[in-house]
Amino acid sequence: MKDVCKYCGTTYEEVLDNGFVGCAHCYQEIEPLREAVSKMYGGKKHRGRTSRRYYG
């Protein structure tokens, strides 16, 4: 299990302590963080809202 981002050196414990990731790569590099985000948002695929203007 990888708990450290190889790009910025941020650890999973640091993310838990301060609530911030060190860089955008942290979401892919820190496995427990990736799993937590996946559970929180229901998967890896973005399912954002669509503007009301899109449907006319």
C-alpha atoms as a PDB file:
ATOM      1  CA  MET A   1       0.000   0.000   0.000  1.00  0.00           C
ATOM      2  CA  LYS A   2       1.355   3.398  -0.980  1.00  0.00           C
ATOM      3  CA  ASP A   3       0.826   6.082   1.646  1.00  0.00           C
ATOM      4  CA  VAL A   4       3.183   8.730   0.200  1.00  0.00           C
ATOM      5  CA  CYS A   5       2.909  10.814  -2.970  1.00  0.00           C
ATOM      6  CA  LYS A   6       6.065  10.311  -5.027  1.00  0.00           C
ATOM      7  CA  TYR A   7       5.690  13.760  -6.605  1.00  0.00           C
ATOM      8  CA  CYS A   8       5.424  16.010  -3.536  1.00  0.00           C
ATOM      9  CA  GLY A   9       6.120  13.708  -0.580  1.00  0.00           C
ATOM     10  CA  THR A  10       2.777  14.299   1.152  1.00  0.00           C
ATOM     11  CA  THR A  11       1.702  11.396   3.344  1.00  0.00           C
ATOM     12  CA  TYR A  12      -1.795  10.078   3.969  1.00  0.00           C
ATOM     13  CA  GLU A  13      -1.427  11.037   7.632  1.00  0.00           C
ATOM     14  CA  GLU A  14      -0.685  14.658   6.638  1.00  0.00           C
ATOM     15  CA  VAL A  15      -3.827  14.755   4.496  1.00  0.00           C
ATOM     16  CA  LEU A  16      -5.876  13.436   7.423  1.00  0.00           C
ATOM     17  CA  ASP A  17      -4.294  15.942   9.842  1.00  0.00           C
ATOM     18  CA  ASN A  18      -4.676  19.136   7.823  1.00  0.00           C
ATOM     19  CA  GLY A  19      -7.339  18.235   5.236  1.00  0.00           C
ATOM     20  CA  PHE A  20      -5.218  19.280   2.265  1.00  0.00           C
ATOM     21  CA  VAL A  21      -3.387  17.294  -0.403  1.00  0.00           C
ATOM     22  CA  GLY A  22       0.059  18.433  -1.506  1.00  0.00           C
ATOM     23  CA  CYS A  23      -0.570  18.289  -5.258  1.00  0.00           C
ATOM     24  CA  ALA A  24      -3.003  16.995  -7.854  1.00  0.00           C
ATOM     25  CA  HIS A  25      -1.070  13.727  -8.112  1.00  0.00           C
ATOM     26  CA  CYS A  26      -1.845  12.860  -4.475  1.00  0.00           C
ATOM     27  CA  TYR A  27      -5.307  11.643  -5.451  1.00  0.00           C
ATOM     28  CA  GLN A  28      -3.765   8.941  -7.642  1.00  0.00           C
ATOM     29  CA  GLU A  29      -0.571   8.244  -5.693  1.00  0.00           C
ATOM     30  CA  ILE A  30      -1.898   7.825  -2.140  1.00  0.00           C
ATOM     31  CA  GLU A  31      -3.905   4.613  -2.282  1.00  0.00           C
ATOM     32  CA  PRO A  32      -5.962   5.054   0.928  1.00  0.00           C
ATOM     33  CA  LEU A  33      -6.926   8.555  -0.234  1.00  0.00           C
ATOM     34  CA  ARG A  34      -7.969   7.246  -3.638  1.00  0.00           C
ATOM     35  CA  GLU A  35     -10.142   4.597  -1.981  1.00  0.00           C
ATOM     36  CA  ALA A  36     -11.732   7.125   0.401  1.00  0.00           C
ATOM     37  CA  VAL A  37     -12.568   9.555  -2.414  1.00  0.00           C
ATOM     38  CA  SER A  38     -14.020   6.731  -4.481  1.00  0.00           C
ATOM     39  CA  LYS A  39     -16.288   5.685  -1.614  1.00  0.00           C
ATOM     40  CA  MET A  40     -17.262   9.277  -0.854  1.00  0.00           C
ATOM     41  CA  TYR A  41     -18.251  10.146  -4.401  1.00  0.00           C
ATOM     42  CA  GLY A  42     -19.474   6.744  -5.569  1.00  0.00           C
ATOM     43  CA  GLY A  43     -16.805   5.854  -8.092  1.00  0.00           C
ATOM     44  CA  LYS A  44     -14.040   7.172 -10.258  1.00  0.00           C
ATOM     45  CA  LYS A  45     -16.158   8.687 -13.007  1.00  0.00           C
ATOM     46  CA  HIS A  46     -17.286  12.301 -12.703  1.00  0.00           C
ATOM     47  CA  ARG A  47     -21.044  12.652 -12.754  1.00  0.00           C
ATOM     48  CA  GLY A  48     -21.512  16.366 -12.392  1.00  0.00           C
ATOM     49  CA  ARG A  49     -24.622  18.380 -12.971  1.00  0.00           C
ATOM     50  CA  THR A  50     -25.837  19.470 -16.382  1.00  0.00           C
ATOM     51  CA  SER A  51     -26.964  23.025 -16.875  1.00  0.00           C
ATOM     52  CA  ARG A  52     -30.704  23.618 -17.235  1.00  0.00           C
ATOM     53  CA  ARG A  53     -29.869  25.563 -20.413  1.00  0.00           C
ATOM     54  CA  TYR A  54     -28.539  22.344 -21.924  1.00  0.00           C
ATOM     55  CA  TYR A  55     -32.060  20.926 -22.083  1.00  0.00           C
ATOM     56  CA  GLY A  56     -33.607  24.124 -23.420  1.00  0.00           C
END
